[in-house]
């Protein structure tokens, strides 16, 4: 499955050149993982890989809006088909300005203390994912695993380690270049 994911990423998502990333850094590698996560085969392969690598105590999965949303949808669908239904959630950049004012959406079925896996499509420095983790923990959930589709290997792993977490990557920069 990993080999197929790498093939799909290379075909649909990986570009070389000079790019300014969300972190503000310049890089010679751009990974638009949404081109993979929003494709039928890419979403299916990802869901299977994530479920194979899922923390045994996780009852929920989610992450920052946009990047994690299609992955979460694919994983929760496949989890139900496999008989291990997971609850999905998504984390807004900031609390919603109206309604219930939630920053973490989809908490139904995830009571306080529920163990969850955080997912993200691509990480560079990991800053936005760490902010999402802090929001999830502040909302009462326990993060037991952090997974990303692609680790660009530009500091995220070290940053998470320094913050007391472990980042698990399905694919790294070395796999796709």
C-alpha atoms as a PDB file:
ATOM      1  CA  UNK A   1       0.000   0.000   0.000  1.00  0.00           C
ATOM      2  CA  UNK A   2       2.793   2.461   0.844  1.00  0.00           C
ATOM      3  CA  UNK A   3       4.419   1.917  -2.537  1.00  0.00           C
ATOM      4  CA  UNK A   4       1.124   2.655  -4.283  1.00  0.00           C
ATOM      5  CA  UNK A   5       0.619   5.785  -2.181  1.00  0.00           C
ATOM      6  CA  UNK A   6       4.082   7.013  -3.199  1.00  0.00           C
ATOM      7  CA  UNK A   7       3.226   6.410  -6.873  1.00  0.00           C
ATOM      8  CA  UNK A   8      -0.044   8.332  -6.570  1.00  0.00           C
ATOM      9  CA  UNK A   9       1.622  11.203  -4.723  1.00  0.00           C
ATOM     10  CA  UNK A  10       4.385  11.454  -7.329  1.00  0.00           C
ATOM     11  CA  UNK A  11       1.853  11.477 -10.167  1.00  0.00           C
ATOM     12  CA  UNK A  12      -0.749  13.816  -8.658  1.00  0.00           C
ATOM     13  CA  UNK A  13       0.792  15.885  -5.858  1.00  0.00           C
ATOM     14  CA  UNK A  14       4.560  16.391  -6.037  1.00  0.00           C
ATOM     15  CA  UNK A  15       6.113  19.341  -7.850  1.00  0.00           C
ATOM     16  CA  UNK A  16       9.673  20.645  -7.920  1.00  0.00           C
ATOM     17  CA  UNK A  17      10.821  24.220  -8.432  1.00  0.00           C
ATOM     18  CA  UNK A  18      10.844  27.183  -6.051  1.00  0.00           C
ATOM     19  CA  UNK A  19       7.833  27.553  -3.777  1.00  0.00           C
ATOM     20  CA  UNK A  20       6.848  29.677  -0.776  1.00  0.00           C
ATOM     21  CA  UNK A  21       5.151  27.446   1.794  1.00  0.00           C
ATOM     22  CA  UNK A  22       2.454  28.217   4.358  1.00  0.00           C
ATOM     23  CA  UNK A  23       5.223  28.389   6.963  1.00  0.00           C
ATOM     24  CA  UNK A  24       6.793  31.246   4.975  1.00  0.00           C
ATOM     25  CA  UNK A  25       9.824  29.128   4.099  1.00  0.00           C
ATOM     26  CA  UNK A  26      11.024  28.687   0.543  1.00  0.00           C
ATOM     27  CA  UNK A  27      11.430  25.131  -0.701  1.00  0.00           C
ATOM     28  CA  UNK A  28      12.389  23.232  -3.833  1.00  0.00           C
ATOM     29  CA  UNK A  29       9.578  20.749  -3.179  1.00  0.00           C
ATOM     30  CA  UNK A  30       5.820  21.340  -3.184  1.00  0.00           C
ATOM     31  CA  UNK A  31       3.374  18.643  -2.163  1.00  0.00           C
ATOM     32  CA  UNK A  32      -0.272  19.411  -2.913  1.00  0.00           C
ATOM     33  CA  UNK A  33      -1.522  16.309  -1.097  1.00  0.00           C
ATOM     34  CA  UNK A  34      -5.170  17.288  -1.680  1.00  0.00           C
ATOM     35  CA  UNK A  35      -4.717  16.167  -5.290  1.00  0.00           C
ATOM     36  CA  UNK A  36      -4.169  12.691  -3.836  1.00  0.00           C
ATOM     37  CA  UNK A  37      -6.511  12.790  -0.823  1.00  0.00           C
ATOM     38  CA  UNK A  38      -9.424  13.963  -2.982  1.00  0.00           C
ATOM     39  CA  UNK A  39      -8.945  11.233  -5.595  1.00  0.00           C
ATOM     40  CA  UNK A  40     -10.865   7.965  -5.229  1.00  0.00           C
ATOM     41  CA  UNK A  41      -7.821   5.709  -5.258  1.00  0.00           C
ATOM     42  CA  UNK A  42      -5.694   8.043  -3.158  1.00  0.00           C
ATOM     43  CA  UNK A  43      -8.379   8.347  -0.479  1.00  0.00           C
ATOM     44  CA  UNK A  44      -8.881   4.577  -0.401  1.00  0.00           C
ATOM     45  CA  UNK A  45      -5.173   3.752  -0.183  1.00  0.00           C
ATOM     46  CA  UNK A  46      -4.708   6.359   2.542  1.00  0.00           C
ATOM     47  CA  UNK A  47      -7.645   5.092   4.581  1.00  0.00           C
ATOM     48  CA  UNK A  48      -6.327   1.532   4.459  1.00  0.00           C
ATOM     49  CA  UNK A  49      -2.786   2.596   5.428  1.00  0.00           C
ATOM     50  CA  UNK A  50      -4.000   4.767   8.285  1.00  0.00           C
ATOM     51  CA  UNK A  51      -6.261   2.037   9.640  1.00  0.00           C
ATOM     52  CA  UNK A  52      -3.342  -0.431   9.491  1.00  0.00           C
ATOM     53  CA  UNK A  53      -1.223   2.005  11.517  1.00  0.00           C
ATOM     54  CA  UNK A  54      -3.920   3.340  13.852  1.00  0.00           C
ATOM     55  CA  UNK A  55      -3.296   3.448  17.590  1.00  0.00           C
ATOM     56  CA  UNK A  56      -5.310   0.588  19.122  1.00  0.00           C
ATOM     57  CA  UNK A  57      -7.046   2.863  21.641  1.00  0.00           C
ATOM     58  CA  UNK A  58      -8.056   5.600  19.201  1.00  0.00           C
ATOM     59  CA  UNK A  59     -11.821   6.091  18.921  1.00  0.00           C
ATOM     60  CA  UNK A  60     -11.668   9.283  16.866  1.00  0.00           C
ATOM     61  CA  UNK A  61      -9.630  10.848  14.091  1.00  0.00           C
ATOM     62  CA  UNK A  62      -9.361  14.369  12.729  1.00  0.00           C
ATOM     63  CA  UNK A  63      -7.151  17.362  12.219  1.00  0.00           C
ATOM     64  CA  UNK A  64      -6.866  20.890  10.870  1.00  0.00           C
ATOM     65  CA  UNK A  65      -9.601  21.937   8.438  1.00  0.00           C
ATOM     66  CA  UNK A  66      -8.965  21.555   4.746  1.00  0.00           C
ATOM     67  CA  UNK A  67      -5.876  19.302   4.798  1.00  0.00           C
ATOM     68  CA  UNK A  68      -7.285  16.682   7.153  1.00  0.00           C
ATOM     69  CA  UNK A  69     -10.940  16.799   6.077  1.00  0.00           C
ATOM     70  CA  UNK A  70     -10.876  14.421   3.068  1.00  0.00           C
ATOM     71  CA  UNK A  71      -8.566  12.039   4.932  1.00  0.00           C
ATOM     72  CA  UNK A  72     -10.857  11.989   7.950  1.00  0.00           C
ATOM     73  CA  UNK A  73     -13.872  11.296   5.743  1.00  0.00           C
ATOM     74  CA  UNK A  74     -12.169   8.392   3.988  1.00  0.00           C
ATOM     75  CA  UNK A  75     -10.865   6.873   7.221  1.00  0.00           C
ATOM     76  CA  UNK A  76     -14.153   7.020   9.127  1.00  0.00           C
ATOM     77  CA  UNK A  77     -15.989   5.469   6.166  1.00  0.00           C
ATOM     78  CA  UNK A  78     -13.505   2.608   5.878  1.00  0.00           C
ATOM     79  CA  UNK A  79     -13.412   2.163   9.658  1.00  0.00           C
ATOM     80  CA  UNK A  80     -17.144   1.510   9.673  1.00  0.00           C
ATOM     81  CA  UNK A  81     -16.818  -0.951   6.772  1.00  0.00           C
ATOM     82  CA  UNK A  82     -14.083  -2.787   8.715  1.00  0.00           C
ATOM     83  CA  UNK A  83     -16.183  -3.026  11.867  1.00  0.00           C
ATOM     84  CA  UNK A  84     -14.136  -0.549  13.921  1.00  0.00           C
ATOM     85  CA  UNK A  85     -16.093   2.676  13.563  1.00  0.00           C
ATOM     86  CA  UNK A  86     -14.190   5.839  14.377  1.00  0.00           C
ATOM     87  CA  UNK A  87     -15.689   9.254  15.019  1.00  0.00           C
ATOM     88  CA  UNK A  88     -14.405  12.076  12.849  1.00  0.00           C
ATOM     89  CA  UNK A  89     -13.753  15.659  13.876  1.00  0.00           C
ATOM     90  CA  UNK A  90     -12.175  18.772  12.427  1.00  0.00           C
ATOM     91  CA  UNK A  91     -10.282  21.632  13.994  1.00  0.00           C
ATOM     92  CA  UNK A  92     -10.879  25.221  12.896  1.00  0.00           C
ATOM     93  CA  UNK A  93      -8.002  27.707  12.991  1.00  0.00           C
ATOM     94  CA  UNK A  94      -9.946  29.618  15.626  1.00  0.00           C
ATOM     95  CA  UNK A  95     -13.272  29.222  17.405  1.00  0.00           C
ATOM     96  CA  UNK A  96     -16.338  29.828  15.268  1.00  0.00           C
ATOM     97  CA  UNK A  97     -17.662  33.371  15.702  1.00  0.00           C
ATOM     98  CA  UNK A  98     -21.305  32.313  15.880  1.00  0.00           C
ATOM     99  CA  UNK A  99     -23.504  29.377  16.865  1.00  0.00           C
ATOM    100  CA  UNK A 100     -21.878  27.251  19.560  1.00  0.00           C
ATOM    101  CA  UNK A 101     -18.499  28.931  18.990  1.00  0.00           C
ATOM    102  CA  UNK A 102     -16.692  25.612  18.554  1.00  0.00           C
ATOM    103  CA  UNK A 103     -13.117  25.282  17.402  1.00  0.00           C
ATOM    104  CA  UNK A 104     -13.314  21.473  17.379  1.00  0.00           C
ATOM    105  CA  UNK A 105     -16.301  20.335  15.308  1.00  0.00           C
ATOM    106  CA  UNK A 106     -17.763  16.825  15.359  1.00  0.00           C
ATOM    107  CA  UNK A 107     -17.516  16.076  19.086  1.00  0.00           C
ATOM    108  CA  UNK A 108     -20.787  14.108  19.136  1.00  0.00           C
ATOM    109  CA  UNK A 109     -19.797  10.584  20.134  1.00  0.00           C
ATOM    110  CA  UNK A 110     -16.480  11.741  21.583  1.00  0.00           C
ATOM    111  CA  UNK A 111     -16.942  12.421  25.302  1.00  0.00           C
ATOM    112  CA  UNK A 112     -14.229  14.164  27.309  1.00  0.00           C
ATOM    113  CA  UNK A 113     -11.168  11.960  27.672  1.00  0.00           C
ATOM    114  CA  UNK A 114     -11.718  10.126  24.369  1.00  0.00           C
ATOM    115  CA  UNK A 115      -8.471   8.982  22.775  1.00  0.00           C
ATOM    116  CA  UNK A 116      -7.952  10.354  19.280  1.00  0.00           C
ATOM    117  CA  UNK A 117      -5.511  10.324  16.396  1.00  0.00           C
ATOM    118  CA  UNK A 118      -4.579  13.629  14.796  1.00  0.00           C
ATOM    119  CA  UNK A 119      -4.068  13.550  11.032  1.00  0.00           C
ATOM    120  CA  UNK A 120      -2.630  16.052   8.550  1.00  0.00           C
ATOM    121  CA  UNK A 121      -1.854  15.825   4.852  1.00  0.00           C
ATOM    122  CA  UNK A 122       1.571  17.504   4.706  1.00  0.00           C
ATOM    123  CA  UNK A 123       3.806  18.877   7.447  1.00  0.00           C
ATOM    124  CA  UNK A 124       6.816  21.154   7.134  1.00  0.00           C
ATOM    125  CA  UNK A 125       7.492  22.749  10.516  1.00  0.00           C
ATOM    126  CA  UNK A 126       4.373  21.306  12.196  1.00  0.00           C
ATOM    127  CA  UNK A 127       3.236  24.585  13.734  1.00  0.00           C
ATOM    128  CA  UNK A 128      -0.365  24.521  12.497  1.00  0.00           C
ATOM    129  CA  UNK A 129      -0.791  20.876  13.455  1.00  0.00           C
ATOM    130  CA  UNK A 130       0.583  21.548  16.946  1.00  0.00           C
ATOM    131  CA  UNK A 131      -1.901  24.420  17.377  1.00  0.00           C
ATOM    132  CA  UNK A 132      -4.713  22.055  16.331  1.00  0.00           C
ATOM    133  CA  UNK A 133      -3.497  19.442  18.844  1.00  0.00           C
ATOM    134  CA  UNK A 134      -3.547  22.027  21.626  1.00  0.00           C
ATOM    135  CA  UNK A 135      -7.123  22.997  20.657  1.00  0.00           C
ATOM    136  CA  UNK A 136      -8.212  19.341  20.702  1.00  0.00           C
ATOM    137  CA  UNK A 137      -6.642  18.802  24.117  1.00  0.00           C
ATOM    138  CA  UNK A 138      -8.227  22.012  25.429  1.00  0.00           C
ATOM    139  CA  UNK A 139     -11.579  20.674  24.202  1.00  0.00           C
ATOM    140  CA  UNK A 140     -11.137  17.632  26.452  1.00  0.00           C
ATOM    141  CA  UNK A 141      -9.846  14.953  24.076  1.00  0.00           C
ATOM    142  CA  UNK A 142      -6.643  12.950  24.577  1.00  0.00           C
ATOM    143  CA  UNK A 143      -4.280  12.848  21.593  1.00  0.00           C
ATOM    144  CA  UNK A 144      -2.658   9.403  21.510  1.00  0.00           C
ATOM    145  CA  UNK A 145      -1.223   9.529  17.988  1.00  0.00           C
ATOM    146  CA  UNK A 146      -0.121  12.046  15.376  1.00  0.00           C
ATOM    147  CA  UNK A 147      -0.029  10.893  11.758  1.00  0.00           C
ATOM    148  CA  UNK A 148       0.769  12.752   8.568  1.00  0.00           C
ATOM    149  CA  UNK A 149       0.624  11.649   4.973  1.00  0.00           C
ATOM    150  CA  UNK A 150       3.860  13.423   3.988  1.00  0.00           C
ATOM    151  CA  UNK A 151       6.611  14.725   6.260  1.00  0.00           C
ATOM    152  CA  UNK A 152       8.670  17.148   4.201  1.00  0.00           C
ATOM    153  CA  UNK A 153      11.494  16.598   6.755  1.00  0.00           C
ATOM    154  CA  UNK A 154      11.980  20.299   7.415  1.00  0.00           C
ATOM    155  CA  UNK A 155      11.765  20.370  11.207  1.00  0.00           C
ATOM    156  CA  UNK A 156       8.320  19.035  12.173  1.00  0.00           C
ATOM    157  CA  UNK A 157       9.516  15.764  13.672  1.00  0.00           C
ATOM    158  CA  UNK A 158      12.005  17.542  15.932  1.00  0.00           C
ATOM    159  CA  UNK A 159       9.472  20.199  16.918  1.00  0.00           C
ATOM    160  CA  UNK A 160       6.937  17.538  17.951  1.00  0.00           C
ATOM    161  CA  UNK A 161       9.602  15.638  19.879  1.00  0.00           C
ATOM    162  CA  UNK A 162      10.526  18.816  21.778  1.00  0.00           C
ATOM    163  CA  UNK A 163       6.823  19.348  22.552  1.00  0.00           C
ATOM    164  CA  UNK A 164       6.509  15.803  23.953  1.00  0.00           C
ATOM    165  CA  UNK A 165       4.852  14.126  20.961  1.00  0.00           C
ATOM    166  CA  UNK A 166       5.862  11.681  18.246  1.00  0.00           C
ATOM    167  CA  UNK A 167       5.068  12.391  14.602  1.00  0.00           C
ATOM    168  CA  UNK A 168       4.447   9.322  12.450  1.00  0.00           C
ATOM    169  CA  UNK A 169       4.714   9.827   8.688  1.00  0.00           C
ATOM    170  CA  UNK A 170       3.289   7.474   6.087  1.00  0.00           C
ATOM    171  CA  UNK A 171       5.670   8.998   3.515  1.00  0.00           C
ATOM    172  CA  UNK A 172       8.756  11.197   3.857  1.00  0.00           C
ATOM    173  CA  UNK A 173      10.565  13.536   1.507  1.00  0.00           C
ATOM    174  CA  UNK A 174      13.067  10.791   0.670  1.00  0.00           C
ATOM    175  CA  UNK A 175      10.234   8.533  -0.535  1.00  0.00           C
ATOM    176  CA  UNK A 176       8.873  11.031  -3.071  1.00  0.00           C
ATOM    177  CA  UNK A 177      11.974  12.634  -4.611  1.00  0.00           C
END
